[in-house]
PDB file of N, CA and C in Angstrom:
ATOM      1  N   MET A   1      18.704  23.979 -74.137  1.00  0.00           N
ATOM      2  CA  MET A   1      19.493  22.712 -74.621  1.00  0.00           C
ATOM      3  C   MET A   1      18.575  21.727 -74.078  1.00  0.00           C
ATOM      4  N   THR A   2      18.136  20.753 -74.699  1.00  0.00           N
ATOM      5  CA  THR A   2      17.465  18.965 -74.487  1.00  0.00           C
ATOM      6  C   THR A   2      18.442  18.088 -73.880  1.00  0.00           C
ATOM      7  N   THR A   3      18.102  17.362 -72.687  1.00  0.00           N
ATOM      8  CA  THR A   3      19.055  16.247 -72.270  1.00  0.00           C
ATOM      9  C   THR A   3      17.965  15.064 -72.693  1.00  0.00           C
ATOM     10  N   TYR A   4      19.180  14.503 -73.381  1.00  0.00           N
ATOM     11  CA  TYR A   4      18.261  13.118 -73.577  1.00  0.00           C
ATOM     12  C   TYR A   4      18.892  11.751 -72.616  1.00  0.00           C
ATOM     13  N   ILE A   5      18.083  10.920 -71.843  1.00  0.00           N
ATOM     14  CA  ILE A   5      18.251  10.049 -70.907  1.00  0.00           C
ATOM     15  C   ILE A   5      18.011   8.685 -71.702  1.00  0.00           C
ATOM     16  N   MET A   6      19.357   7.910 -71.604  1.00  0.00           N
ATOM     17  CA  MET A   6      18.851   6.422 -72.650  1.00  0.00           C
ATOM     18  C   MET A   6      19.084   5.450 -71.210  1.00  0.00           C
ATOM     19  N   GLU A   7      17.812   4.736 -71.406  1.00  0.00           N
ATOM     20  CA  GLU A   7      17.913   3.247 -70.417  1.00  0.00           C
ATOM     21  C   GLU A   7      18.709   2.634 -71.389  1.00  0.00           C
ATOM     22  N   ARG A   8      18.990   1.725 -70.297  1.00  0.00           N
ATOM     23  CA  ARG A   8      19.609   0.358 -70.596  1.00  0.00           C
ATOM     24  C   ARG A   8      18.873  -0.349 -71.089  1.00  0.00           C
ATOM     25  N   GLN A   9      18.656  -1.233 -72.247  1.00  0.00           N
ATOM     26  CA  GLN A   9      17.749  -1.926 -72.877  1.00  0.00           C
ATOM     27  C   GLN A   9      18.200  -3.219 -72.034  1.00  0.00           C
ATOM     28  N   ARG A  10      17.230  -4.149 -71.720  1.00  0.00           N
ATOM     29  CA  ARG A  10      17.258  -5.437 -71.276  1.00  0.00           C
ATOM     30  C   ARG A  10      17.070  -6.427 -72.253  1.00  0.00           C
ATOM     31  N   VAL A  11      18.640  -7.076 -71.844  1.00  0.00           N
ATOM     32  CA  VAL A  11      18.858  -8.045 -72.993  1.00  0.00           C
ATOM     33  C   VAL A  11      18.407  -9.344 -72.285  1.00  0.00           C
ATOM     34  N   MET A  12      17.542 -10.386 -73.177  1.00  0.00           N
ATOM     35  CA  MET A  12      17.171 -11.358 -72.629  1.00  0.00           C
ATOM     36  C   MET A  12      18.020 -12.563 -73.539  1.00  0.00           C
ATOM     37  N   LYS A  13      18.023 -13.674 -72.701  1.00  0.00           N
ATOM     38  CA  LYS A  13      18.616 -14.795 -73.421  1.00  0.00           C
ATOM     39  C   LYS A  13      17.848 -15.791 -73.246  1.00  0.00           C
ATOM     40  N   ASN A  14      18.161 -16.625 -74.142  1.00  0.00           N
ATOM     41  CA  ASN A  14      17.146 -17.941 -74.345  1.00  0.00           C
ATOM     42  C   ASN A  14      18.085 -19.309 -73.931  1.00  0.00           C
ATOM     43  N   ILE A  15      17.638 -19.724 -72.883  1.00  0.00           N
ATOM     44  CA  ILE A  15      18.741 -21.020 -72.424  1.00  0.00           C
ATOM     45  C   ILE A  15      17.643 -22.093 -71.838  1.00  0.00           C
ATOM     46  N   GLU A  16      18.155 -23.248 -71.844  1.00  0.00           N
ATOM     47  CA  GLU A  16      17.637 -24.538 -71.349  1.00  0.00           C
ATOM     48  C   GLU A  16      18.055 -25.152 -69.754  1.00  0.00           C
ATOM     49  N   ILE A  17      17.190 -25.684 -69.415  1.00  0.00           N
ATOM     50  CA  ILE A  17      17.331 -26.115 -67.647  1.00  0.00           C
ATOM     51  C   ILE A  17      16.974 -27.659 -67.725  1.00  0.00           C
ATOM     52  N   ALA A  18      18.024 -28.355 -67.666  1.00  0.00           N
ATOM     53  CA  ALA A  18      17.947 -29.931 -67.923  1.00  0.00           C
ATOM     54  C   ALA A  18      18.401 -30.701 -66.646  1.00  0.00           C
ATOM     55  N   PHE A  19      17.332 -31.705 -66.207  1.00  0.00           N
ATOM     56  CA  PHE A  19      17.804 -32.749 -65.608  1.00  0.00           C
ATOM     57  C   PHE A  19      17.318 -33.889 -65.728  1.00  0.00           C
ATOM     58  N   ALA A  20      18.031 -35.029 -65.273  1.00  0.00           N
ATOM     59  CA  ALA A  20      16.891 -36.501 -65.281  1.00  0.00           C
ATOM     60  C   ALA A  20      17.165 -37.364 -64.482  1.00  0.00           C
ATOM     61  N   THR A  21      16.447 -38.097 -64.557  1.00  0.00           N
ATOM     62  CA  THR A  21      16.476 -39.675 -63.676  1.00  0.00           C
ATOM     63  C   THR A  21      16.356 -40.654 -64.533  1.00  0.00           C
ATOM     64  N   ILE A  22      16.329 -41.814 -63.801  1.00  0.00           N
ATOM     65  CA  ILE A  22      16.497 -43.089 -64.196  1.00  0.00           C
ATOM     66  C   ILE A  22      14.873 -42.837 -65.390  1.00  0.00           C
ATOM     67  N   THR A  23      13.894 -42.147 -64.655  1.00  0.00           N
ATOM     68  CA  THR A  23      12.319 -42.447 -65.094  1.00  0.00           C
ATOM     69  C   THR A  23      11.968 -41.301 -65.888  1.00  0.00           C
ATOM     70  N   LEU A  24      12.566 -39.750 -65.652  1.00  0.00           N
ATOM     71  CA  LEU A  24      12.176 -39.179 -66.197  1.00  0.00           C
ATOM     72  C   LEU A  24      13.022 -37.961 -66.536  1.00  0.00           C
ATOM     73  N   GLN A  25      13.003 -37.331 -67.560  1.00  0.00           N
ATOM     74  CA  GLN A  25      14.061 -36.458 -68.023  1.00  0.00           C
ATOM     75  C   GLN A  25      12.892 -35.291 -68.480  1.00  0.00           C
ATOM     76  N   LYS A  26      13.559 -33.794 -68.239  1.00  0.00           N
ATOM     77  CA  LYS A  26      12.923 -32.965 -68.064  1.00  0.00           C
ATOM     78  C   LYS A  26      13.947 -31.670 -68.688  1.00  0.00           C
ATOM     79  N   VAL A  27      13.545 -31.042 -69.851  1.00  0.00           N
ATOM     80  CA  VAL A  27      14.350 -29.982 -70.503  1.00  0.00           C
ATOM     81  C   VAL A  27      13.450 -28.700 -70.617  1.00  0.00           C
ATOM     82  N   ILE A  28      13.716 -27.781 -70.140  1.00  0.00           N
ATOM     83  CA  ILE A  28      12.674 -26.738 -69.855  1.00  0.00           C
ATOM     84  C   ILE A  28      13.487 -25.553 -70.423  1.00  0.00           C
ATOM     85  N   SER A  29      12.646 -25.035 -71.620  1.00  0.00           N
ATOM     86  CA  SER A  29      13.171 -23.525 -72.146  1.00  0.00           C
ATOM     87  C   SER A  29      12.786 -22.417 -71.393  1.00  0.00           C
ATOM     88  N   LEU A  30      13.568 -21.616 -71.439  1.00  0.00           N
ATOM     89  CA  LEU A  30      13.222 -20.340 -70.915  1.00  0.00           C
ATOM     90  C   LEU A  30      14.270 -19.007 -71.338  1.00  0.00           C
ATOM     91  N   GLN A  31      13.241 -17.778 -71.155  1.00  0.00           N
ATOM     92  CA  GLN A  31      13.866 -16.546 -71.332  1.00  0.00           C
ATOM     93  C   GLN A  31      14.369 -15.565 -70.004  1.00  0.00           C
ATOM     94  N   ILE A  32      15.582 -15.397 -69.917  1.00  0.00           N
ATOM     95  CA  ILE A  32      16.152 -14.648 -68.726  1.00  0.00           C
ATOM     96  C   ILE A  32      17.076 -13.453 -69.019  1.00  0.00           C
ATOM     97  N   SER A  33      16.985 -12.584 -67.845  1.00  0.00           N
ATOM     98  CA  SER A  33      17.753 -11.363 -68.112  1.00  0.00           C
ATOM     99  C   SER A  33      19.178 -11.674 -68.022  1.00  0.00           C
ATOM    100  N   ASP A  34      19.831 -10.525 -68.560  1.00  0.00           N
ATOM    101  CA  ASP A  34      21.269 -10.184 -68.604  1.00  0.00           C
ATOM    102  C   ASP A  34      22.027 -10.891 -67.103  1.00  0.00           C
ATOM    103  N   GLU A  35      21.181 -10.081 -66.117  1.00  0.00           N
ATOM    104  CA  GLU A  35      22.247 -10.557 -64.990  1.00  0.00           C
ATOM    105  C   GLU A  35      21.892 -11.777 -64.470  1.00  0.00           C
ATOM    106  N   THR A  36      21.046 -12.690 -64.695  1.00  0.00           N
ATOM    107  CA  THR A  36      20.593 -13.927 -64.027  1.00  0.00           C
ATOM    108  C   THR A  36      21.610 -14.746 -64.178  1.00  0.00           C
ATOM    109  N   ASN A  37      21.895 -15.333 -62.780  1.00  0.00           N
ATOM    110  CA  ASN A  37      23.375 -16.319 -62.383  1.00  0.00           C
ATOM    111  C   ASN A  37      22.167 -17.959 -62.724  1.00  0.00           C
ATOM    112  N   ILE A  38      23.226 -18.677 -62.496  1.00  0.00           N
ATOM    113  CA  ILE A  38      22.562 -20.511 -62.914  1.00  0.00           C
ATOM    114  C   ILE A  38      21.578 -20.458 -61.860  1.00  0.00           C
ATOM    115  N   THR A  39      21.706 -19.928 -60.704  1.00  0.00           N
ATOM    116  CA  THR A  39      20.820 -20.546 -59.517  1.00  0.00           C
ATOM    117  C   THR A  39      19.843 -19.994 -59.632  1.00  0.00           C
ATOM    118  N   ASP A  40      19.569 -18.714 -59.902  1.00  0.00           N
ATOM    119  CA  ASP A  40      18.429 -18.064 -60.138  1.00  0.00           C
ATOM    120  C   ASP A  40      17.604 -18.475 -61.709  1.00  0.00           C
ATOM    121  N   ALA A  41      18.528 -18.856 -62.695  1.00  0.00           N
ATOM    122  CA  ALA A  41      17.688 -19.525 -63.357  1.00  0.00           C
ATOM    123  C   ALA A  41      17.253 -20.729 -63.256  1.00  0.00           C
ATOM    124  N   ILE A  42      17.645 -22.065 -62.255  1.00  0.00           N
ATOM    125  CA  ILE A  42      16.791 -22.812 -62.275  1.00  0.00           C
ATOM    126  C   ILE A  42      15.727 -22.522 -61.243  1.00  0.00           C
ATOM    127  N   ILE A  43      15.808 -21.465 -60.704  1.00  0.00           N
ATOM    128  CA  ILE A  43      14.589 -21.192 -59.880  1.00  0.00           C
ATOM    129  C   ILE A  43      13.707 -20.870 -60.514  1.00  0.00           C
ATOM    130  N   GLN A  44      13.762 -19.991 -61.361  1.00  0.00           N
ATOM    131  CA  GLN A  44      12.840 -19.159 -62.474  1.00  0.00           C
ATOM    132  C   GLN A  44      12.187 -20.489 -63.209  1.00  0.00           C
ATOM    133  N   SER A  45      13.052 -21.432 -63.612  1.00  0.00           N
ATOM    134  CA  SER A  45      12.620 -22.731 -64.372  1.00  0.00           C
ATOM    135  C   SER A  45      11.215 -23.688 -64.067  1.00  0.00           C
ATOM    136  N   ASN A  46      11.456 -23.397 -62.823  1.00  0.00           N
ATOM    137  CA  ASN A  46      10.252 -24.205 -61.664  1.00  0.00           C
ATOM    138  C   ASN A  46      10.471 -25.766 -61.796  1.00  0.00           C
ATOM    139  N   ILE A  47      11.725 -25.918 -62.447  1.00  0.00           N
ATOM    140  CA  ILE A  47      12.037 -27.788 -62.766  1.00  0.00           C
ATOM    141  C   ILE A  47      12.161 -27.852 -61.284  1.00  0.00           C
ATOM    142  N   GLN A  48      12.125 -27.392 -60.198  1.00  0.00           N
ATOM    143  CA  GLN A  48      11.987 -28.089 -59.251  1.00  0.00           C
ATOM    144  C   GLN A  48      10.827 -29.201 -58.775  1.00  0.00           C
ATOM    145  N   GLU A  49       9.774 -28.350 -59.188  1.00  0.00           N
ATOM    146  CA  GLU A  49       8.241 -29.258 -59.174  1.00  0.00           C
ATOM    147  C   GLU A  49       7.877 -30.489 -59.978  1.00  0.00           C
ATOM    148  N   PHE A  50       8.984 -30.836 -60.573  1.00  0.00           N
ATOM    149  CA  PHE A  50       8.795 -32.025 -61.204  1.00  0.00           C
ATOM    150  C   PHE A  50       9.684 -33.155 -60.596  1.00  0.00           C
ATOM    151  N   PHE A  51      10.507 -32.367 -59.762  1.00  0.00           N
ATOM    152  CA  PHE A  51      11.711 -33.802 -59.141  1.00  0.00           C
ATOM    153  C   PHE A  51      11.562 -33.156 -57.775  1.00  0.00           C
ATOM    154  N   PRO A  52      10.250 -33.360 -56.842  1.00  0.00           N
ATOM    155  CA  PRO A  52      10.504 -32.812 -55.433  1.00  0.00           C
ATOM    156  C   PRO A  52      11.525 -33.578 -54.445  1.00  0.00           C
ATOM    157  N   GLU A  53      11.545 -34.766 -54.629  1.00  0.00           N
ATOM    158  CA  GLU A  53      12.596 -35.688 -53.617  1.00  0.00           C
ATOM    159  C   GLU A  53      14.323 -35.332 -53.736  1.00  0.00           C
ATOM    160  N   TYR A  54      14.291 -34.006 -55.092  1.00  0.00           N
ATOM    161  CA  TYR A  54      15.708 -33.777 -55.044  1.00  0.00           C
ATOM    162  C   TYR A  54      15.833 -32.144 -54.275  1.00  0.00           C
ATOM    163  N   ASN A  55      17.014 -32.095 -54.089  1.00  0.00           N
ATOM    164  CA  ASN A  55      17.269 -30.318 -53.806  1.00  0.00           C
ATOM    165  C   ASN A  55      18.345 -29.836 -54.741  1.00  0.00           C
ATOM    166  N   LEU A  56      17.601 -29.495 -56.031  1.00  0.00           N
ATOM    167  CA  LEU A  56      18.250 -29.012 -57.400  1.00  0.00           C
ATOM    168  C   LEU A  56      18.954 -28.355 -57.272  1.00  0.00           C
ATOM    169  N   ILE A  57      18.638 -27.216 -56.136  1.00  0.00           N
ATOM    170  CA  ILE A  57      19.567 -26.053 -55.996  1.00  0.00           C
ATOM    171  C   ILE A  57      20.950 -26.107 -55.464  1.00  0.00           C
ATOM    172  N   GLU A  58      21.081 -27.347 -54.977  1.00  0.00           N
ATOM    173  CA  GLU A  58      21.972 -27.811 -53.989  1.00  0.00           C
ATOM    174  C   GLU A  58      23.119 -29.090 -54.762  1.00  0.00           C
ATOM    175  N   MET A  59      22.638 -29.260 -56.211  1.00  0.00           N
ATOM    176  CA  MET A  59      23.415 -29.894 -56.894  1.00  0.00           C
ATOM    177  C   MET A  59      24.514 -29.671 -57.930  1.00  0.00           C
ATOM    178  N   SER A  60      25.159 -30.229 -58.203  1.00  0.00           N
ATOM    179  CA  SER A  60      26.283 -29.969 -59.433  1.00  0.00           C
ATOM    180  C   SER A  60      25.748 -29.490 -60.474  1.00  0.00           C
ATOM    181  N   VAL A  61      26.340 -28.658 -61.331  1.00  0.00           N
ATOM    182  CA  VAL A  61      25.802 -27.794 -62.179  1.00  0.00           C
ATOM    183  C   VAL A  61      26.756 -27.993 -63.386  1.00  0.00           C
ATOM    184  N   GLY A  62      26.596 -28.029 -64.884  1.00  0.00           N
ATOM    185  CA  GLY A  62      27.231 -27.677 -65.776  1.00  0.00           C
ATOM    186  C   GLY A  62      26.667 -26.829 -66.996  1.00  0.00           C
ATOM    187  N   VAL A  63      27.399 -26.505 -67.927  1.00  0.00           N
ATOM    188  CA  VAL A  63      26.805 -26.245 -69.407  1.00  0.00           C
ATOM    189  C   VAL A  63      27.354 -27.082 -70.244  1.00  0.00           C
ATOM    190  N   PHE A  64      26.791 -27.431 -71.216  1.00  0.00           N
ATOM    191  CA  PHE A  64      26.951 -28.199 -72.474  1.00  0.00           C
ATOM    192  C   PHE A  64      28.001 -29.382 -71.960  1.00  0.00           C
ATOM    193  N   GLY A  65      27.955 -29.883 -70.622  1.00  0.00           N
ATOM    194  CA  GLY A  65      28.786 -31.563 -70.039  1.00  0.00           C
ATOM    195  C   GLY A  65      29.890 -30.348 -69.181  1.00  0.00           C
ATOM    196  N   LYS A  66      29.867 -29.527 -69.560  1.00  0.00           N
ATOM    197  CA  LYS A  66      31.387 -28.891 -68.607  1.00  0.00           C
ATOM    198  C   LYS A  66      31.031 -28.477 -67.394  1.00  0.00           C
ATOM    199  N   ARG A  67      31.495 -28.969 -65.962  1.00  0.00           N
ATOM    200  CA  ARG A  67      31.411 -28.487 -64.938  1.00  0.00           C
ATOM    201  C   ARG A  67      31.409 -27.180 -64.913  1.00  0.00           C
ATOM    202  N   ILE A  68      30.741 -26.496 -64.229  1.00  0.00           N
ATOM    203  CA  ILE A  68      30.488 -25.276 -63.411  1.00  0.00           C
ATOM    204  C   ILE A  68      30.509 -25.349 -62.060  1.00  0.00           C
ATOM    205  N   TYR A  69      32.031 -25.281 -61.371  1.00  0.00           N
ATOM    206  CA  TYR A  69      32.239 -25.046 -60.109  1.00  0.00           C
ATOM    207  C   TYR A  69      31.586 -23.455 -59.056  1.00  0.00           C
ATOM    208  N   THR A  70      31.107 -22.301 -60.180  1.00  0.00           N
ATOM    209  CA  THR A  70      30.876 -21.275 -59.291  1.00  0.00           C
ATOM    210  C   THR A  70      29.638 -20.783 -60.145  1.00  0.00           C
ATOM    211  N   PRO A  71      28.641 -21.563 -59.776  1.00  0.00           N
ATOM    212  CA  PRO A  71      27.516 -21.106 -60.690  1.00  0.00           C
ATOM    213  C   PRO A  71      26.838 -19.743 -60.061  1.00  0.00           C
ATOM    214  N   GLU A  72      27.181 -19.110 -59.056  1.00  0.00           N
ATOM    215  CA  GLU A  72      26.731 -17.663 -58.974  1.00  0.00           C
ATOM    216  C   GLU A  72      27.242 -16.917 -59.671  1.00  0.00           C
ATOM    217  N   GLU A  73      28.756 -17.124 -60.181  1.00  0.00           N
ATOM    218  CA  GLU A  73      29.706 -16.196 -60.800  1.00  0.00           C
ATOM    219  C   GLU A  73      29.662 -16.334 -62.350  1.00  0.00           C
ATOM    220  N   TYR A  74      28.757 -17.730 -62.908  1.00  0.00           N
ATOM    221  CA  TYR A  74      28.938 -17.855 -64.199  1.00  0.00           C
ATOM    222  C   TYR A  74      28.243 -16.894 -65.362  1.00  0.00           C
ATOM    223  N   GLN A  75      28.899 -16.208 -66.091  1.00  0.00           N
ATOM    224  CA  GLN A  75      27.940 -15.499 -66.808  1.00  0.00           C
ATOM    225  C   GLN A  75      27.310 -16.426 -67.784  1.00  0.00           C
ATOM    226  N   ILE A  76      25.883 -16.447 -68.149  1.00  0.00           N
ATOM    227  CA  ILE A  76      25.218 -17.424 -68.864  1.00  0.00           C
ATOM    228  C   ILE A  76      25.254 -16.581 -69.765  1.00  0.00           C
ATOM    229  N   LYS A  77      25.714 -17.464 -71.146  1.00  0.00           N
ATOM    230  CA  LYS A  77      25.231 -16.873 -72.452  1.00  0.00           C
ATOM    231  C   LYS A  77      24.092 -17.369 -73.200  1.00  0.00           C
ATOM    232  N   ASP A  78      23.707 -16.927 -73.865  1.00  0.00           N
ATOM    233  CA  ASP A  78      22.575 -16.970 -75.018  1.00  0.00           C
ATOM    234  C   ASP A  78      22.774 -18.263 -75.599  1.00  0.00           C
ATOM    235  N   ASN A  79      21.417 -18.943 -75.253  1.00  0.00           N
ATOM    236  CA  ASN A  79      21.420 -20.534 -76.076  1.00  0.00           C
ATOM    237  C   ASN A  79      22.555 -21.766 -74.839  1.00  0.00           C
ATOM    238  N   ASP A  80      22.790 -21.031 -73.928  1.00  0.00           N
ATOM    239  CA  ASP A  80      23.190 -22.003 -72.772  1.00  0.00           C
ATOM    240  C   ASP A  80      22.364 -23.184 -72.933  1.00  0.00           C
ATOM    241  N   ARG A  81      22.771 -24.689 -72.328  1.00  0.00           N
ATOM    242  CA  ARG A  81      22.327 -25.499 -71.635  1.00  0.00           C
ATOM    243  C   ARG A  81      22.703 -25.783 -70.288  1.00  0.00           C
ATOM    244  N   ILE A  82      21.721 -25.168 -69.221  1.00  0.00           N
ATOM    245  CA  ILE A  82      22.438 -25.453 -67.598  1.00  0.00           C
ATOM    246  C   ILE A  82      21.887 -26.890 -67.682  1.00  0.00           C
ATOM    247  N   GLU A  83      23.012 -28.096 -66.907  1.00  0.00           N
ATOM    248  CA  GLU A  83      22.437 -29.132 -66.631  1.00  0.00           C
ATOM    249  C   GLU A  83      22.570 -29.522 -65.327  1.00  0.00           C
ATOM    250  N   ILE A  84      21.338 -30.517 -64.712  1.00  0.00           N
ATOM    251  CA  ILE A  84      21.842 -30.233 -63.380  1.00  0.00           C
ATOM    252  C   ILE A  84      22.398 -31.727 -63.361  1.00  0.00           C
ATOM    253  N   TYR A  85      23.489 -31.755 -62.587  1.00  0.00           N
ATOM    254  CA  TYR A  85      23.852 -33.574 -62.290  1.00  0.00           C
ATOM    255  C   TYR A  85      23.690 -34.053 -60.838  1.00  0.00           C
ATOM    256  N   ARG A  86      22.771 -35.298 -61.083  1.00  0.00           N
ATOM    257  CA  ARG A  86      22.349 -35.713 -59.872  1.00  0.00           C
ATOM    258  C   ARG A  86      23.820 -36.759 -59.172  1.00  0.00           C
ATOM    259  N   PRO A  87      23.881 -37.100 -58.247  1.00  0.00           N
ATOM    260  CA  PRO A  87      24.805 -37.881 -57.470  1.00  0.00           C
ATOM    261  C   PRO A  87      24.738 -39.218 -58.127  1.00  0.00           C
ATOM    262  N   LEU A  88      25.897 -39.896 -58.556  1.00  0.00           N
ATOM    263  CA  LEU A  88      25.896 -41.105 -58.918  1.00  0.00           C
ATOM    264  C   LEU A  88      25.609 -42.334 -57.701  1.00  0.00           C
ATOM    265  N   ASN A  89      24.964 -43.357 -57.800  1.00  0.00           N
ATOM    266  CA  ASN A  89      24.704 -44.373 -56.853  1.00  0.00           C
ATOM    267  C   ASN A  89      26.176 -44.999 -56.612  1.00  0.00           C
ATOM    268  N   LYS A  90      26.619 -45.752 -57.676  1.00  0.00           N
ATOM    269  CA  LYS A  90      27.923 -46.248 -58.087  1.00  0.00           C
ATOM    270  C   LYS A  90      28.519 -45.631 -59.223  1.00  0.00           C
ATOM    271  N   SER A  91      30.014 -45.713 -58.904  1.00  0.00           N
ATOM    272  CA  SER A  91      30.843 -45.594 -60.058  1.00  0.00           C
ATOM    273  C   SER A  91      30.969 -46.077 -61.048  1.00  0.00           C
ATOM    274  N   PRO A  92      30.985 -45.923 -62.542  1.00  0.00           N
ATOM    275  CA  PRO A  92      31.203 -47.043 -63.293  1.00  0.00           C
ATOM    276  C   PRO A  92      32.085 -48.099 -63.198  1.00  0.00           C
ATOM    277  N   ASN A  93      33.273 -47.772 -62.445  1.00  0.00           N
ATOM    278  CA  ASN A  93      33.694 -48.860 -62.159  1.00  0.00           C
ATOM    279  C   ASN A  93      33.431 -49.891 -61.156  1.00  0.00           C
ATOM    280  N   GLN A  94      32.284 -49.520 -60.044  1.00  0.00           N
ATOM    281  CA  GLN A  94      32.024 -50.141 -59.548  1.00  0.00           C
ATOM    282  C   GLN A  94      30.432 -51.170 -60.095  1.00  0.00           C
ATOM    283  N   LYS A  95      29.819 -50.515 -61.030  1.00  0.00           N
ATOM    284  CA  LYS A  95      28.903 -51.104 -61.914  1.00  0.00           C
ATOM    285  C   LYS A  95      29.480 -52.375 -62.893  1.00  0.00           C
ATOM    286  N   ARG A  96      30.740 -51.985 -63.401  1.00  0.00           N
ATOM    287  CA  ARG A  96      31.365 -53.326 -64.005  1.00  0.00           C
ATOM    288  C   ARG A  96      31.977 -54.122 -63.344  1.00  0.00           C
ATOM    289  N   LEU A  97      32.426 -54.152 -61.888  1.00  0.00           N
ATOM    290  CA  LEU A  97      32.624 -55.268 -61.001  1.00  0.00           C
ATOM    291  C   LEU A  97      31.638 -55.510 -60.479  1.00  0.00           C
ATOM    292  N   ASP A  98      30.466 -55.104 -60.533  1.00  0.00           N
ATOM    293  CA  ASP A  98      29.054 -56.242 -59.983  1.00  0.00           C
ATOM    294  C   ASP A  98      28.242 -56.895 -61.314  1.00  0.00           C
ATOM    295  N   ARG A  99      28.468 -56.284 -62.246  1.00  0.00           N
ATOM    296  CA  ARG A  99      28.188 -57.116 -63.704  1.00  0.00           C
ATOM    297  C   ARG A  99      29.146 -58.296 -63.782  1.00  0.00           C
ATOM    298  N   ALA A 100      30.559 -58.127 -63.790  1.00  0.00           N
ATOM    299  CA  ALA A 100      31.306 -59.200 -63.716  1.00  0.00           C
ATOM    300  C   ALA A 100      30.872 -60.562 -62.558  1.00  0.00           C
ATOM    301  N   LYS A 101      30.671 -60.092 -61.553  1.00  0.00           N
ATOM    302  CA  LYS A 101      30.406 -61.046 -60.069  1.00  0.00           C
ATOM    303  C   LYS A 101      29.245 -61.801 -60.706  1.00  0.00           C
ATOM    304  N   ASN A 102      28.189 -60.938 -61.306  1.00  0.00           N
ATOM    305  CA  ASN A 102      26.675 -61.541 -61.716  1.00  0.00           C
ATOM    306  C   ASN A 102      27.122 -62.445 -62.967  1.00  0.00           C
ATOM    307  N   ASN A 103      27.509 -62.239 -64.073  1.00  0.00           N
ATOM    308  CA  ASN A 103      28.118 -63.132 -64.906  1.00  0.00           C
ATOM    309  C   ASN A 103      29.020 -64.687 -64.550  1.00  0.00           C
ATOM    310  N   LYS A 104      29.337 -64.443 -63.664  1.00  0.00           N
ATOM    311  CA  LYS A 104      30.158 -66.028 -63.032  1.00  0.00           C
ATOM    312  C   LYS A 104      29.253 -66.838 -62.823  1.00  0.00           C
TER     313      LYS A 104
END
């Protein structure tokens, strides 16, 4: 009797990692394995090299504009766009108030 051992094929997913500042926007495409979480994907993308002044791993993230509060638990799907959100310098309301003051 012959016994066959089947190996689980590694499923690769195509994703994008995106981050932007006022002066530079980077979107990096990469392939990741099925087990990769968001934090690992950000590290694998090497996007940190373009933005050394930011600690991208510690920043808020989302997928297609929807905030992900537990990035280590999120199951990444094929063709996801992972967005890294930088903190706002001013709230939109504060910006409007500043513009109104300057226009007087």
